[in-house]
Structures are given as structure tokens and as C-alpha cells.
Amino acid sequence: MWAVTITYDADPAVEAMRHLEQELMTHDGSVSRRPRVLYADDTMVTDVTVFVDEVDPVLALQHAKKLVSEVVGDTAPIIASEVVDEELYFERADAPTLPALVSAPEVGDILDVSRQRVHQLKDTAGFPAPLYVLRSGAVWAEDAIRSFARTWERKPGPRQQPIIAAFRTT
């Protein structure tokens, strides 16, 4: 069994989308709209997904295109298509869409340092860049912080002053 998603350059009304889903119900059809370019565009596109039983992905795409075209018609251009096996489709659907996030206090707990030390570390080479910077502060992917923790070489004690600073006169 193959899951075939055909993307149309169209933004139909909700009622039209419901009608399409009902027409494609025998093939577990689903219809959704999303930004054309994720998070960077207000232009919406429509994904139509159906499940078809074929021996290979090429035949699955041909079969799905025929099924969907009978319902959608040819008024909206197809801009993309994807064919994946059923197992991969459901693995993707079950996967989290956002990684576990941590803020400075949680990063401090993971690294066993203070929140202030986290803010010093974030400017060092090798420290992961934050995924987002919110008004309340930066947030990082927990996996990236744990990966950093495995390779981070701790240097206890205060930072050494550069030798030149010792000879500076005021």
C-alpha cells in the first residue's frame, strides 16, 4: 500500500475540502491546506492524500493522480507529488513535529552549571545555536544540548586572564 500526496496550487474553501474528503473516503483520502513555503509565505496550497494498492510507486502515483483528478478536476495546477509506503507515512505522522525544547535553566541542569554560566557558554565555539529567541530568552533543542554535553571539555576555575592584561598600566 502506498500513500500518495498530490499538492495543488489552490486554496479551496473548507466546505470544498470536506466534499473532496468524502469523495475520496474509499481510499482513506485526506485534504489539508498549508503555507506554500512553511512559515515564510502567506500563499496557501492544498495537499490531497490517498492510499492506493499498487506494486510500485510509479504505478501508485499514476493510480492516485487518476483518482484525485476525477474529483478535483483540472482547474488547479499540480505543483508537487510524493509517494511513500504506508509504514513510512504513519511513522512520519506519529513523529513529533517540534523537538524537545529547553531554556537556560534546563540547559544549566543538563550541563550542571548555573544559568549565568549557560549565558557565557552560548558565546563559545561549539555551543549549539538557539532554535528560537523569545522575549523570555533563548530556547535550544534538548538533543543538541545533550550532544554538546557529551563532548564538552570542562575547565574548572575562573577564566585565565590574557597575559597582556597583567602588564597593562592604568
C-alpha atoms as a PDB file:
ATOM      1  CA  MET A   1       0.000   0.000   0.000  1.00  0.00           C
ATOM      2  CA  TRP A   2       1.260   3.464  -0.914  1.00  0.00           C
ATOM      3  CA  ALA A   3       0.369   6.885   0.455  1.00  0.00           C
ATOM      4  CA  VAL A   4       0.319   9.397  -2.372  1.00  0.00           C
ATOM      5  CA  THR A   5       0.135  13.130  -1.709  1.00  0.00           C
ATOM      6  CA  ILE A   6      -0.603  15.457  -4.592  1.00  0.00           C
ATOM      7  CA  THR A   7      -0.130  19.173  -3.938  1.00  0.00           C
ATOM      8  CA  TYR A   8      -2.249  21.704  -5.797  1.00  0.00           C
ATOM      9  CA  ASP A   9      -1.624  25.408  -6.183  1.00  0.00           C
ATOM     10  CA  ALA A  10      -5.075  26.194  -4.802  1.00  0.00           C
ATOM     11  CA  ASP A  11      -6.732  27.339  -1.602  1.00  0.00           C
ATOM     12  CA  PRO A  12     -10.282  25.938  -1.640  1.00  0.00           C
ATOM     13  CA  ALA A  13     -12.977  26.757   0.878  1.00  0.00           C
ATOM     14  CA  VAL A  14     -13.366  24.450   3.878  1.00  0.00           C
ATOM     15  CA  GLU A  15     -16.647  23.067   2.511  1.00  0.00           C
ATOM     16  CA  ALA A  16     -14.959  22.147  -0.768  1.00  0.00           C
ATOM     17  CA  MET A  17     -12.200  20.371   1.154  1.00  0.00           C
ATOM     18  CA  ARG A  18     -14.770  18.385   3.155  1.00  0.00           C
ATOM     19  CA  HIS A  19     -16.526  17.415  -0.066  1.00  0.00           C
ATOM     20  CA  LEU A  20     -13.224  16.196  -1.564  1.00  0.00           C
ATOM     21  CA  GLU A  21     -12.525  14.085   1.527  1.00  0.00           C
ATOM     22  CA  GLN A  22     -15.975  12.480   1.324  1.00  0.00           C
ATOM     23  CA  GLU A  23     -15.485  11.706  -2.363  1.00  0.00           C
ATOM     24  CA  LEU A  24     -12.115  10.079  -1.623  1.00  0.00           C
ATOM     25  CA  MET A  25     -13.243   8.258   1.542  1.00  0.00           C
ATOM     26  CA  THR A  26     -12.927   4.798  -0.036  1.00  0.00           C
ATOM     27  CA  HIS A  27      -9.195   5.489  -0.422  1.00  0.00           C
ATOM     28  CA  ASP A  28      -8.758   6.994   3.068  1.00  0.00           C
ATOM     29  CA  GLY A  29      -8.463  10.379   1.398  1.00  0.00           C
ATOM     30  CA  SER A  30      -7.476  13.455   3.351  1.00  0.00           C
ATOM     31  CA  VAL A  31      -7.313  17.075   2.259  1.00  0.00           C
ATOM     32  CA  SER A  32      -5.328  19.775   4.026  1.00  0.00           C
ATOM     33  CA  ARG A  33      -4.062  23.254   3.357  1.00  0.00           C
ATOM     34  CA  ARG A  34      -0.711  24.673   4.367  1.00  0.00           C
ATOM     35  CA  PRO A  35       1.611  27.567   3.560  1.00  0.00           C
ATOM     36  CA  ARG A  36       3.313  27.118   0.200  1.00  0.00           C
ATOM     37  CA  VAL A  37       6.677  27.693   1.871  1.00  0.00           C
ATOM     38  CA  LEU A  38       6.446  26.676   5.515  1.00  0.00           C
ATOM     39  CA  TYR A  39       6.359  29.649   7.889  1.00  0.00           C
ATOM     40  CA  ALA A  40       7.643  32.048   5.243  1.00  0.00           C
ATOM     41  CA  ASP A  41       4.665  32.624   2.993  1.00  0.00           C
ATOM     42  CA  ASP A  42       1.005  33.575   3.244  1.00  0.00           C
ATOM     43  CA  THR A  43       0.203  31.754  -0.004  1.00  0.00           C
ATOM     44  CA  MET A  44      -1.660  28.524   0.727  1.00  0.00           C
ATOM     45  CA  VAL A  45      -1.566  25.225  -1.172  1.00  0.00           C
ATOM     46  CA  THR A  46      -3.701  22.110  -0.838  1.00  0.00           C
ATOM     47  CA  ASP A  47      -2.402  18.589  -0.198  1.00  0.00           C
ATOM     48  CA  VAL A  48      -4.642  15.686  -1.220  1.00  0.00           C
ATOM     49  CA  THR A  49      -3.516  12.306   0.128  1.00  0.00           C
ATOM     50  CA  VAL A  50      -4.927   8.919  -0.866  1.00  0.00           C
ATOM     51  CA  PHE A  51      -3.854   5.337  -0.216  1.00  0.00           C
ATOM     52  CA  VAL A  52      -3.579   3.030  -3.216  1.00  0.00           C
ATOM     53  CA  ASP A  53      -2.586  -0.601  -3.543  1.00  0.00           C
ATOM     54  CA  GLU A  54      -0.057  -0.951  -6.357  1.00  0.00           C
ATOM     55  CA  VAL A  55       3.153  -2.913  -6.894  1.00  0.00           C
ATOM     56  CA  ASP A  56       5.462   0.092  -7.236  1.00  0.00           C
ATOM     57  CA  PRO A  57       5.485   3.842  -6.549  1.00  0.00           C
ATOM     58  CA  VAL A  58       5.236   4.874 -10.212  1.00  0.00           C
ATOM     59  CA  LEU A  59       2.011   2.909 -10.694  1.00  0.00           C
ATOM     60  CA  ALA A  60       0.778   4.217  -7.331  1.00  0.00           C
ATOM     61  CA  LEU A  61       1.276   7.826  -8.465  1.00  0.00           C
ATOM     62  CA  GLN A  62      -0.495   7.191 -11.776  1.00  0.00           C
ATOM     63  CA  HIS A  63      -3.409   5.490  -9.996  1.00  0.00           C
ATOM     64  CA  ALA A  64      -3.686   8.238  -7.363  1.00  0.00           C
ATOM     65  CA  LYS A  65      -3.491  11.033  -9.939  1.00  0.00           C
ATOM     66  CA  LYS A  66      -6.349   9.446 -11.884  1.00  0.00           C
ATOM     67  CA  LEU A  67      -8.483   9.025  -8.720  1.00  0.00           C
ATOM     68  CA  VAL A  68      -7.858  12.528  -7.442  1.00  0.00           C
ATOM     69  CA  SER A  69      -8.241  14.201 -10.847  1.00  0.00           C
ATOM     70  CA  GLU A  70     -11.713  12.663 -11.204  1.00  0.00           C
ATOM     71  CA  VAL A  71     -12.741  14.505  -8.026  1.00  0.00           C
ATOM     72  CA  VAL A  72     -10.632  17.674  -8.156  1.00  0.00           C
ATOM     73  CA  GLY A  73     -10.766  18.229 -11.890  1.00  0.00           C
ATOM     74  CA  ASP A  74      -8.054  20.050 -13.787  1.00  0.00           C
ATOM     75  CA  THR A  75      -8.675  23.637 -12.715  1.00  0.00           C
ATOM     76  CA  ALA A  76      -5.791  23.821 -10.230  1.00  0.00           C
ATOM     77  CA  PRO A  77      -2.226  23.024 -11.301  1.00  0.00           C
ATOM     78  CA  ILE A  78      -0.324  20.228  -9.587  1.00  0.00           C
ATOM     79  CA  ILE A  79       2.897  21.649  -8.132  1.00  0.00           C
ATOM     80  CA  ALA A  80       4.251  18.589  -6.277  1.00  0.00           C
ATOM     81  CA  SER A  81       3.656  14.925  -5.568  1.00  0.00           C
ATOM     82  CA  GLU A  82       5.089  12.438  -3.117  1.00  0.00           C
ATOM     83  CA  VAL A  83       4.761   8.674  -2.878  1.00  0.00           C
ATOM     84  CA  VAL A  84       5.778   6.851   0.309  1.00  0.00           C
ATOM     85  CA  ASP A  85       4.945   3.420   1.610  1.00  0.00           C
ATOM     86  CA  GLU A  86       2.223   3.204   4.212  1.00  0.00           C
ATOM     87  CA  GLU A  87       4.629   2.384   7.046  1.00  0.00           C
ATOM     88  CA  LEU A  88       6.770   5.484   6.451  1.00  0.00           C
ATOM     89  CA  TYR A  89       3.662   7.649   6.116  1.00  0.00           C
ATOM     90  CA  PHE A  90       2.434   6.617   9.573  1.00  0.00           C
ATOM     91  CA  GLU A  91       5.918   6.876  11.118  1.00  0.00           C
ATOM     92  CA  ARG A  92       6.067  10.489   9.922  1.00  0.00           C
ATOM     93  CA  ALA A  93       2.561  11.177  11.188  1.00  0.00           C
ATOM     94  CA  ASP A  94       3.454   9.839  14.639  1.00  0.00           C
ATOM     95  CA  ALA A  95       6.781  11.682  14.872  1.00  0.00           C
ATOM     96  CA  PRO A  96       6.932  14.919  16.860  1.00  0.00           C
ATOM     97  CA  THR A  97       6.981  17.969  14.637  1.00  0.00           C
ATOM     98  CA  LEU A  98       8.959  20.066  17.094  1.00  0.00           C
ATOM     99  CA  PRO A  99      11.977  18.843  19.050  1.00  0.00           C
ATOM    100  CA  ALA A 100      12.023  18.916  22.843  1.00  0.00           C
ATOM    101  CA  LEU A 101      12.996  22.460  23.773  1.00  0.00           C
ATOM    102  CA  VAL A 102      14.959  23.665  26.795  1.00  0.00           C
ATOM    103  CA  SER A 103      15.618  27.141  28.167  1.00  0.00           C
ATOM    104  CA  ALA A 104      18.686  28.371  30.059  1.00  0.00           C
ATOM    105  CA  PRO A 105      17.674  26.865  33.451  1.00  0.00           C
ATOM    106  CA  GLU A 106      17.158  23.412  31.883  1.00  0.00           C
ATOM    107  CA  VAL A 107      20.410  23.733  29.928  1.00  0.00           C
ATOM    108  CA  GLY A 108      22.098  24.529  33.242  1.00  0.00           C
ATOM    109  CA  ASP A 109      20.601  21.380  34.774  1.00  0.00           C
ATOM    110  CA  ILE A 110      21.802  19.241  31.869  1.00  0.00           C
ATOM    111  CA  LEU A 111      25.328  20.706  31.985  1.00  0.00           C
ATOM    112  CA  ASP A 112      25.364  21.025  35.780  1.00  0.00           C
ATOM    113  CA  VAL A 113      26.165  24.745  35.633  1.00  0.00           C
ATOM    114  CA  SER A 114      24.384  27.929  36.643  1.00  0.00           C
ATOM    115  CA  ARG A 115      22.047  29.809  34.335  1.00  0.00           C
ATOM    116  CA  GLN A 116      24.625  32.605  34.221  1.00  0.00           C
ATOM    117  CA  ARG A 117      27.278  30.129  33.038  1.00  0.00           C
ATOM    118  CA  VAL A 118      24.902  28.988  30.286  1.00  0.00           C
ATOM    119  CA  HIS A 119      24.782  32.563  29.006  1.00  0.00           C
ATOM    120  CA  GLN A 120      28.595  32.652  28.989  1.00  0.00           C
ATOM    121  CA  LEU A 121      28.813  29.290  27.229  1.00  0.00           C
ATOM    122  CA  LYS A 122      26.391  30.261  24.475  1.00  0.00           C
ATOM    123  CA  ASP A 123      29.057  32.583  23.048  1.00  0.00           C
ATOM    124  CA  THR A 124      31.698  29.840  22.841  1.00  0.00           C
ATOM    125  CA  ALA A 125      32.561  27.854  19.737  1.00  0.00           C
ATOM    126  CA  GLY A 126      30.724  24.561  19.527  1.00  0.00           C
ATOM    127  CA  PHE A 127      27.783  25.582  21.690  1.00  0.00           C
ATOM    128  CA  PRO A 128      24.529  24.979  19.797  1.00  0.00           C
ATOM    129  CA  ALA A 129      22.717  27.995  18.426  1.00  0.00           C
ATOM    130  CA  PRO A 130      19.279  28.553  19.931  1.00  0.00           C
ATOM    131  CA  LEU A 131      16.346  27.449  17.797  1.00  0.00           C
ATOM    132  CA  TYR A 132      14.313  30.463  18.861  1.00  0.00           C
ATOM    133  CA  VAL A 133      14.919  33.617  20.834  1.00  0.00           C
ATOM    134  CA  LEU A 134      11.747  34.604  22.660  1.00  0.00           C
ATOM    135  CA  ARG A 135      11.084  37.620  24.846  1.00  0.00           C
ATOM    136  CA  SER A 136      11.665  35.332  27.814  1.00  0.00           C
ATOM    137  CA  GLY A 137      15.031  34.191  26.443  1.00  0.00           C
ATOM    138  CA  ALA A 138      16.615  31.654  24.126  1.00  0.00           C
ATOM    139  CA  VAL A 139      15.445  28.056  23.717  1.00  0.00           C
ATOM    140  CA  TRP A 140      17.565  25.213  22.406  1.00  0.00           C
ATOM    141  CA  ALA A 141      16.889  21.727  21.073  1.00  0.00           C
ATOM    142  CA  GLU A 142      17.428  19.378  24.008  1.00  0.00           C
ATOM    143  CA  ASP A 143      19.193  16.813  21.776  1.00  0.00           C
ATOM    144  CA  ALA A 144      21.710  19.441  20.636  1.00  0.00           C
ATOM    145  CA  ILE A 145      22.483  20.409  24.238  1.00  0.00           C
ATOM    146  CA  ARG A 146      22.903  16.752  25.269  1.00  0.00           C
ATOM    147  CA  SER A 147      25.218  16.209  22.299  1.00  0.00           C
ATOM    148  CA  PHE A 148      27.267  19.247  23.354  1.00  0.00           C
ATOM    149  CA  ALA A 149      27.390  17.902  26.932  1.00  0.00           C
ATOM    150  CA  ARG A 150      28.941  14.627  25.712  1.00  0.00           C
ATOM    151  CA  THR A 151      31.843  16.395  24.001  1.00  0.00           C
ATOM    152  CA  TRP A 152      32.265  19.496  26.170  1.00  0.00           C
ATOM    153  CA  GLU A 153      35.613  19.726  27.951  1.00  0.00           C
ATOM    154  CA  ARG A 154      35.000  21.356  31.302  1.00  0.00           C
ATOM    155  CA  LYS A 155      37.642  23.734  32.506  1.00  0.00           C
ATOM    156  CA  PRO A 156      37.114  24.348  36.218  1.00  0.00           C
ATOM    157  CA  GLY A 157      38.006  27.592  37.931  1.00  0.00           C
ATOM    158  CA  PRO A 158      37.876  31.178  36.773  1.00  0.00           C
ATOM    159  CA  ARG A 159      38.894  32.050  33.237  1.00  0.00           C
ATOM    160  CA  GLN A 160      42.545  32.853  32.778  1.00  0.00           C
ATOM    161  CA  GLN A 161      43.278  36.484  32.006  1.00  0.00           C
ATOM    162  CA  PRO A 162      45.298  37.018  28.858  1.00  0.00           C
ATOM    163  CA  ILE A 163      48.966  37.559  29.711  1.00  0.00           C
ATOM    164  CA  ILE A 164      48.920  41.009  28.144  1.00  0.00           C
ATOM    165  CA  ALA A 165      46.310  42.159  30.683  1.00  0.00           C
ATOM    166  CA  ALA A 166      48.740  41.500  33.523  1.00  0.00           C
ATOM    167  CA  PHE A 167      51.177  44.097  32.119  1.00  0.00           C
ATOM    168  CA  ARG A 168      48.613  46.761  31.377  1.00  0.00           C
ATOM    169  CA  THR A 169      49.013  50.038  33.219  1.00  0.00           C
ATOM    170  CA  THR A 170      46.126  52.230  34.161  1.00  0.00           C
END
